[in-house]
């Protein structure tokens, strides 16, 4: 790595807003944004989602279903930055016997994309999967034209394991779908102390600080 590229990487690290990004439960108050995002072709198609119109009541039932199924077959989080809903992150196909799951994530707020938000959100849910649920592997599938997502996943340490040739039909073409995987043993990233982790003893620092101020 050249000195210039190292400087650029350091600059990117500085803008990651670890302190103000959280993964929290979905709430019914999130309905309006989720309804809009699930009907937005640019989000729906690149995430290989449901192709047909989603009614508001259907999205409301979907939120309720996520709460009921959390920890059974999957776990879904709202991504919030400074309390505003900006996207969702989830672990699907949870398999406690094989200790693996599939990752899904999208940033619905267009203005907040390419700001490091995706990296922080994915890092938090990967940390939760490996260090909170004791999973050993996380997999994912991404359509081949979604280069921004591929760059993100590779930066997180995911390795390409294969390709499903002409697997996904989009805009008149059959596109390849890339298969990626990340093993716990390959997860080398250290979550900053300022991050709002979903696991660990970091929250005790806040409790001790509060006690000292009493």
C-alpha atoms as a PDB file:
ATOM      1  CA  UNK A   1       0.000   0.000   0.000  1.00  0.00           C
ATOM      2  CA  UNK A   2       1.407   3.387  -0.983  1.00  0.00           C
ATOM      3  CA  UNK A   3       1.581   6.306   1.427  1.00  0.00           C
ATOM      4  CA  UNK A   4      -1.125   8.061  -0.581  1.00  0.00           C
ATOM      5  CA  UNK A   5      -3.521   5.110  -0.477  1.00  0.00           C
ATOM      6  CA  UNK A   6      -2.884   4.678   3.239  1.00  0.00           C
ATOM      7  CA  UNK A   7      -3.742   8.346   3.756  1.00  0.00           C
ATOM      8  CA  UNK A   8      -6.966   7.926   1.769  1.00  0.00           C
ATOM      9  CA  UNK A   9      -7.921   4.865   3.823  1.00  0.00           C
ATOM     10  CA  UNK A  10      -7.254   6.738   7.051  1.00  0.00           C
ATOM     11  CA  UNK A  11      -9.400   9.619   5.813  1.00  0.00           C
ATOM     12  CA  UNK A  12     -12.286   7.238   5.090  1.00  0.00           C
ATOM     13  CA  UNK A  13     -11.935   5.713   8.553  1.00  0.00           C
ATOM     14  CA  UNK A  14     -12.426   9.145  10.133  1.00  0.00           C
ATOM     15  CA  UNK A  15     -15.835   9.702   8.559  1.00  0.00           C
ATOM     16  CA  UNK A  16     -17.383   6.468   9.825  1.00  0.00           C
ATOM     17  CA  UNK A  17     -19.997   7.580  12.317  1.00  0.00           C
ATOM     18  CA  UNK A  18     -19.655   4.736  14.822  1.00  0.00           C
ATOM     19  CA  UNK A  19     -20.949   6.821  17.697  1.00  0.00           C
ATOM     20  CA  UNK A  20     -24.320   7.652  16.128  1.00  0.00           C
ATOM     21  CA  UNK A  21     -25.225   4.416  14.341  1.00  0.00           C
ATOM     22  CA  UNK A  22     -27.276   1.768  16.126  1.00  0.00           C
ATOM     23  CA  UNK A  23     -29.056  -1.468  15.299  1.00  0.00           C
ATOM     24  CA  UNK A  24     -32.424  -1.494  17.078  1.00  0.00           C
ATOM     25  CA  UNK A  25     -35.744  -3.365  16.831  1.00  0.00           C
ATOM     26  CA  UNK A  26     -38.183  -2.424  14.085  1.00  0.00           C
ATOM     27  CA  UNK A  27     -41.194  -0.480  15.337  1.00  0.00           C
ATOM     28  CA  UNK A  28     -44.633   0.165  13.858  1.00  0.00           C
ATOM     29  CA  UNK A  29     -43.635   3.846  13.653  1.00  0.00           C
ATOM     30  CA  UNK A  30     -41.175   2.760  10.927  1.00  0.00           C
ATOM     31  CA  UNK A  31     -44.071   1.724   8.688  1.00  0.00           C
ATOM     32  CA  UNK A  32     -44.122   4.719   6.325  1.00  0.00           C
ATOM     33  CA  UNK A  33     -40.451   4.506   5.370  1.00  0.00           C
ATOM     34  CA  UNK A  34     -40.438   0.716   5.075  1.00  0.00           C
ATOM     35  CA  UNK A  35     -43.539   0.891   2.888  1.00  0.00           C
ATOM     36  CA  UNK A  36     -41.821   3.382   0.574  1.00  0.00           C
ATOM     37  CA  UNK A  37     -38.545   1.429   0.432  1.00  0.00           C
ATOM     38  CA  UNK A  38     -40.187  -1.928  -0.233  1.00  0.00           C
ATOM     39  CA  UNK A  39     -41.939  -0.390  -3.234  1.00  0.00           C
ATOM     40  CA  UNK A  40     -38.824   1.352  -4.568  1.00  0.00           C
ATOM     41  CA  UNK A  41     -37.494  -0.570  -7.636  1.00  0.00           C
ATOM     42  CA  UNK A  42     -33.899   0.569  -7.123  1.00  0.00           C
ATOM     43  CA  UNK A  43     -33.883  -1.042  -3.659  1.00  0.00           C
ATOM     44  CA  UNK A  44     -36.187  -3.976  -4.357  1.00  0.00           C
ATOM     45  CA  UNK A  45     -34.457  -5.193  -7.504  1.00  0.00           C
ATOM     46  CA  UNK A  46     -30.819  -4.930  -6.381  1.00  0.00           C
ATOM     47  CA  UNK A  47     -31.631  -6.758  -3.156  1.00  0.00           C
ATOM     48  CA  UNK A  48     -33.524  -9.414  -5.151  1.00  0.00           C
ATOM     49  CA  UNK A  49     -36.655  -8.680  -3.174  1.00  0.00           C
ATOM     50  CA  UNK A  50     -40.398  -9.123  -3.682  1.00  0.00           C
ATOM     51  CA  UNK A  51     -41.272  -7.996  -7.231  1.00  0.00           C
ATOM     52  CA  UNK A  52     -44.917  -7.095  -6.740  1.00  0.00           C
ATOM     53  CA  UNK A  53     -46.581  -4.060  -5.100  1.00  0.00           C
ATOM     54  CA  UNK A  54     -46.549  -4.219  -1.300  1.00  0.00           C
ATOM     55  CA  UNK A  55     -49.642  -2.751   0.363  1.00  0.00           C
ATOM     56  CA  UNK A  56     -49.248  -0.721   3.545  1.00  0.00           C
ATOM     57  CA  UNK A  57     -51.140  -3.341   5.571  1.00  0.00           C
ATOM     58  CA  UNK A  58     -48.869  -6.051   4.147  1.00  0.00           C
ATOM     59  CA  UNK A  59     -45.790  -4.149   5.329  1.00  0.00           C
ATOM     60  CA  UNK A  60     -47.401  -3.684   8.746  1.00  0.00           C
ATOM     61  CA  UNK A  61     -47.958  -7.432   8.981  1.00  0.00           C
ATOM     62  CA  UNK A  62     -44.360  -7.973   7.841  1.00  0.00           C
ATOM     63  CA  UNK A  63     -43.084  -5.866  10.752  1.00  0.00           C
ATOM     64  CA  UNK A  64     -45.237  -7.863  13.164  1.00  0.00           C
ATOM     65  CA  UNK A  65     -43.994 -11.122  11.665  1.00  0.00           C
ATOM     66  CA  UNK A  66     -40.361 -10.072  12.095  1.00  0.00           C
ATOM     67  CA  UNK A  67     -40.948  -9.498  15.802  1.00  0.00           C
ATOM     68  CA  UNK A  68     -42.634 -12.879  16.214  1.00  0.00           C
ATOM     69  CA  UNK A  69     -39.947 -14.783  14.296  1.00  0.00           C
ATOM     70  CA  UNK A  70     -36.911 -13.033  15.766  1.00  0.00           C
ATOM     71  CA  UNK A  71     -34.434 -15.653  17.006  1.00  0.00           C
ATOM     72  CA  UNK A  72     -36.434 -18.518  15.474  1.00  0.00           C
ATOM     73  CA  UNK A  73     -35.412 -18.425  11.817  1.00  0.00           C
ATOM     74  CA  UNK A  74     -33.932 -14.955  11.503  1.00  0.00           C
ATOM     75  CA  UNK A  75     -33.245 -11.686  13.277  1.00  0.00           C
ATOM     76  CA  UNK A  76     -33.987  -8.259  11.796  1.00  0.00           C
ATOM     77  CA  UNK A  77     -32.736  -4.862  12.941  1.00  0.00           C
ATOM     78  CA  UNK A  78     -33.534  -1.301  12.016  1.00  0.00           C
ATOM     79  CA  UNK A  79     -30.439   0.725  11.145  1.00  0.00           C
ATOM     80  CA  UNK A  80     -30.673   4.111  12.825  1.00  0.00           C
ATOM     81  CA  UNK A  81     -28.364   7.079  12.572  1.00  0.00           C
ATOM     82  CA  UNK A  82     -28.966   9.794  15.150  1.00  0.00           C
ATOM     83  CA  UNK A  83     -32.283   8.016  15.849  1.00  0.00           C
ATOM     84  CA  UNK A  84     -33.493   8.304  12.221  1.00  0.00           C
ATOM     85  CA  UNK A  85     -34.374   5.088  10.383  1.00  0.00           C
ATOM     86  CA  UNK A  86     -31.992   4.730   7.411  1.00  0.00           C
ATOM     87  CA  UNK A  87     -32.194   1.027   6.489  1.00  0.00           C
ATOM     88  CA  UNK A  88     -32.406  -2.547   7.748  1.00  0.00           C
ATOM     89  CA  UNK A  89     -29.940  -5.346   8.483  1.00  0.00           C
ATOM     90  CA  UNK A  90     -30.808  -8.985   9.045  1.00  0.00           C
ATOM     91  CA  UNK A  91     -29.508 -12.482   9.554  1.00  0.00           C
ATOM     92  CA  UNK A  92     -31.649 -14.971   7.644  1.00  0.00           C
ATOM     93  CA  UNK A  93     -31.767 -18.777   7.628  1.00  0.00           C
ATOM     94  CA  UNK A  94     -30.362 -19.033  11.130  1.00  0.00           C
ATOM     95  CA  UNK A  95     -29.049 -22.566  11.619  1.00  0.00           C
ATOM     96  CA  UNK A  96     -28.000 -23.239  15.243  1.00  0.00           C
ATOM     97  CA  UNK A  97     -26.701 -26.710  14.381  1.00  0.00           C
ATOM     98  CA  UNK A  98     -24.441 -25.689  11.514  1.00  0.00           C
ATOM     99  CA  UNK A  99     -23.887 -22.309  13.245  1.00  0.00           C
ATOM    100  CA  UNK A 100     -24.388 -20.215  10.153  1.00  0.00           C
ATOM    101  CA  UNK A 101     -26.742 -17.608   8.674  1.00  0.00           C
ATOM    102  CA  UNK A 102     -27.205 -15.397   5.619  1.00  0.00           C
ATOM    103  CA  UNK A 103     -26.667 -11.635   5.713  1.00  0.00           C
ATOM    104  CA  UNK A 104     -29.046  -9.108   4.205  1.00  0.00           C
ATOM    105  CA  UNK A 105     -28.745  -5.332   4.388  1.00  0.00           C
ATOM    106  CA  UNK A 106     -29.832  -2.195   2.577  1.00  0.00           C
ATOM    107  CA  UNK A 107     -29.617   1.544   3.113  1.00  0.00           C
ATOM    108  CA  UNK A 108     -32.969   3.039   2.132  1.00  0.00           C
ATOM    109  CA  UNK A 109     -32.015   6.686   2.552  1.00  0.00           C
ATOM    110  CA  UNK A 110     -30.276   7.563  -0.737  1.00  0.00           C
ATOM    111  CA  UNK A 111     -28.486  10.595   0.729  1.00  0.00           C
ATOM    112  CA  UNK A 112     -26.723   8.427   3.315  1.00  0.00           C
ATOM    113  CA  UNK A 113     -25.264   5.877   0.931  1.00  0.00           C
ATOM    114  CA  UNK A 114     -21.510   5.753   0.329  1.00  0.00           C
ATOM    115  CA  UNK A 115     -20.869   7.472   3.662  1.00  0.00           C
ATOM    116  CA  UNK A 116     -19.536   4.478   5.605  1.00  0.00           C
ATOM    117  CA  UNK A 117     -22.977   3.725   7.012  1.00  0.00           C
ATOM    118  CA  UNK A 118     -23.136   0.312   5.328  1.00  0.00           C
ATOM    119  CA  UNK A 119     -19.713  -0.663   6.663  1.00  0.00           C
ATOM    120  CA  UNK A 120     -20.604   0.253  10.232  1.00  0.00           C
ATOM    121  CA  UNK A 121     -24.013  -1.449  10.094  1.00  0.00           C
ATOM    122  CA  UNK A 122     -22.620  -4.668   8.629  1.00  0.00           C
ATOM    123  CA  UNK A 123     -19.740  -4.671  11.111  1.00  0.00           C
ATOM    124  CA  UNK A 124     -22.180  -4.421  14.018  1.00  0.00           C
ATOM    125  CA  UNK A 125     -24.381  -7.287  12.833  1.00  0.00           C
ATOM    126  CA  UNK A 126     -21.352  -9.462  11.965  1.00  0.00           C
ATOM    127  CA  UNK A 127     -19.937  -8.796  15.427  1.00  0.00           C
ATOM    128  CA  UNK A 128     -23.308  -9.806  16.885  1.00  0.00           C
ATOM    129  CA  UNK A 129     -23.444 -12.979  14.780  1.00  0.00           C
ATOM    130  CA  UNK A 130     -19.956 -14.182  15.675  1.00  0.00           C
ATOM    131  CA  UNK A 131     -19.568 -12.907  19.238  1.00  0.00           C
ATOM    132  CA  UNK A 132     -23.196 -12.849  20.356  1.00  0.00           C
ATOM    133  CA  UNK A 133     -24.763 -15.864  18.641  1.00  0.00           C
ATOM    134  CA  UNK A 134     -21.551 -17.895  18.279  1.00  0.00           C
ATOM    135  CA  UNK A 135     -22.097 -18.463  14.572  1.00  0.00           C
ATOM    136  CA  UNK A 136     -19.093 -19.751  12.666  1.00  0.00           C
ATOM    137  CA  UNK A 137     -20.005 -18.560   9.157  1.00  0.00           C
ATOM    138  CA  UNK A 138     -22.074 -15.886   7.429  1.00  0.00           C
ATOM    139  CA  UNK A 139     -23.027 -16.197   3.788  1.00  0.00           C
ATOM    140  CA  UNK A 140     -24.696 -13.893   1.305  1.00  0.00           C
ATOM    141  CA  UNK A 141     -25.712 -13.618  -2.327  1.00  0.00           C
ATOM    142  CA  UNK A 142     -25.420 -10.451  -4.384  1.00  0.00           C
ATOM    143  CA  UNK A 143     -26.413  -9.716  -7.971  1.00  0.00           C
ATOM    144  CA  UNK A 144     -23.308  -9.215 -10.110  1.00  0.00           C
ATOM    145  CA  UNK A 145     -24.118  -5.646 -11.209  1.00  0.00           C
ATOM    146  CA  UNK A 146     -24.365  -4.395  -7.602  1.00  0.00           C
ATOM    147  CA  UNK A 147     -20.722  -3.358  -7.516  1.00  0.00           C
ATOM    148  CA  UNK A 148     -21.093  -1.021  -4.518  1.00  0.00           C
ATOM    149  CA  UNK A 149     -22.357  -3.905  -2.391  1.00  0.00           C
ATOM    150  CA  UNK A 150     -19.632  -6.256  -3.654  1.00  0.00           C
ATOM    151  CA  UNK A 151     -16.941  -3.698  -2.784  1.00  0.00           C
ATOM    152  CA  UNK A 152     -18.409  -3.324   0.708  1.00  0.00           C
ATOM    153  CA  UNK A 153     -18.604  -7.058   1.369  1.00  0.00           C
ATOM    154  CA  UNK A 154     -15.051  -7.663   0.172  1.00  0.00           C
ATOM    155  CA  UNK A 155     -13.822  -4.805   2.366  1.00  0.00           C
ATOM    156  CA  UNK A 156     -15.517  -6.547   5.304  1.00  0.00           C
ATOM    157  CA  UNK A 157     -13.583  -9.731   4.540  1.00  0.00           C
ATOM    158  CA  UNK A 158     -16.129 -11.792   2.610  1.00  0.00           C
ATOM    159  CA  UNK A 159     -14.603 -14.130   0.044  1.00  0.00           C
ATOM    160  CA  UNK A 160     -16.177 -15.121  -3.237  1.00  0.00           C
ATOM    161  CA  UNK A 161     -17.144 -18.797  -3.166  1.00  0.00           C
ATOM    162  CA  UNK A 162     -18.949 -19.204  -6.463  1.00  0.00           C
ATOM    163  CA  UNK A 163     -21.311 -17.836  -9.088  1.00  0.00           C
ATOM    164  CA  UNK A 164     -24.848 -18.773 -10.063  1.00  0.00           C
ATOM    165  CA  UNK A 165     -24.751 -18.156 -13.812  1.00  0.00           C
ATOM    166  CA  UNK A 166     -27.705 -16.221 -15.291  1.00  0.00           C
ATOM    167  CA  UNK A 167     -29.625 -16.750 -12.062  1.00  0.00           C
ATOM    168  CA  UNK A 168     -31.548 -13.493 -11.656  1.00  0.00           C
ATOM    169  CA  UNK A 169     -33.809 -11.806 -14.215  1.00  0.00           C
ATOM    170  CA  UNK A 170     -33.717  -8.009 -14.132  1.00  0.00           C
ATOM    171  CA  UNK A 171     -34.615  -5.373 -16.712  1.00  0.00           C
ATOM    172  CA  UNK A 172     -34.790  -7.815 -19.612  1.00  0.00           C
ATOM    173  CA  UNK A 173     -31.567  -9.659 -18.818  1.00  0.00           C
ATOM    174  CA  UNK A 174     -30.487 -12.726 -16.857  1.00  0.00           C
ATOM    175  CA  UNK A 175     -27.703 -11.751 -14.490  1.00  0.00           C
ATOM    176  CA  UNK A 176     -25.167 -13.748 -12.525  1.00  0.00           C
ATOM    177  CA  UNK A 177     -25.487 -13.955  -8.747  1.00  0.00           C
ATOM    178  CA  UNK A 178     -22.266 -14.048  -6.727  1.00  0.00           C
ATOM    179  CA  UNK A 179     -21.964 -16.190  -3.603  1.00  0.00           C
ATOM    180  CA  UNK A 180     -19.840 -14.867  -0.732  1.00  0.00           C
ATOM    181  CA  UNK A 181     -18.904 -16.243   2.669  1.00  0.00           C
ATOM    182  CA  UNK A 182     -17.152 -15.032   5.803  1.00  0.00           C
ATOM    183  CA  UNK A 183     -15.794 -17.391   8.467  1.00  0.00           C
ATOM    184  CA  UNK A 184     -15.422 -16.286  12.052  1.00  0.00           C
ATOM    185  CA  UNK A 185     -11.742 -17.190  11.936  1.00  0.00           C
ATOM    186  CA  UNK A 186     -11.274 -14.668   9.116  1.00  0.00           C
ATOM    187  CA  UNK A 187     -13.071 -11.819  10.894  1.00  0.00           C
ATOM    188  CA  UNK A 188     -10.168  -9.641  11.994  1.00  0.00           C
ATOM    189  CA  UNK A 189     -11.814  -6.243  12.395  1.00  0.00           C
ATOM    190  CA  UNK A 190     -11.774  -4.609  15.822  1.00  0.00           C
ATOM    191  CA  UNK A 191     -14.972  -2.738  16.611  1.00  0.00           C
ATOM    192  CA  UNK A 192     -14.129   0.750  17.979  1.00  0.00           C
ATOM    193  CA  UNK A 193     -14.918   1.553  21.604  1.00  0.00           C
ATOM    194  CA  UNK A 194     -17.317   4.267  20.452  1.00  0.00           C
ATOM    195  CA  UNK A 195     -19.512   1.762  18.596  1.00  0.00           C
ATOM    196  CA  UNK A 196     -22.893   0.626  19.907  1.00  0.00           C
ATOM    197  CA  UNK A 197     -22.211  -3.106  19.916  1.00  0.00           C
ATOM    198  CA  UNK A 198     -25.037  -5.596  20.434  1.00  0.00           C
ATOM    199  CA  UNK A 199     -22.829  -7.803  22.577  1.00  0.00           C
ATOM    200  CA  UNK A 200     -20.029  -7.393  25.073  1.00  0.00           C
ATOM    201  CA  UNK A 201     -19.309  -5.439  28.214  1.00  0.00           C
ATOM    202  CA  UNK A 202     -18.777  -2.051  26.612  1.00  0.00           C
ATOM    203  CA  UNK A 203     -22.044  -0.751  28.091  1.00  0.00           C
ATOM    204  CA  UNK A 204     -20.564  -1.150  31.580  1.00  0.00           C
ATOM    205  CA  UNK A 205     -18.302   1.811  30.863  1.00  0.00           C
ATOM    206  CA  UNK A 206     -21.379   4.015  30.542  1.00  0.00           C
ATOM    207  CA  UNK A 207     -22.804   2.599  33.776  1.00  0.00           C
ATOM    208  CA  UNK A 208     -19.552   3.263  35.644  1.00  0.00           C
ATOM    209  CA  UNK A 209     -19.428   6.791  34.266  1.00  0.00           C
ATOM    210  CA  UNK A 210     -22.990   7.380  35.439  1.00  0.00           C
ATOM    211  CA  UNK A 211     -22.210   6.026  38.925  1.00  0.00           C
ATOM    212  CA  UNK A 212     -19.263   8.407  39.255  1.00  0.00           C
ATOM    213  CA  UNK A 213     -21.540  11.346  38.527  1.00  0.00           C
ATOM    214  CA  UNK A 214     -24.078  10.421  41.195  1.00  0.00           C
END
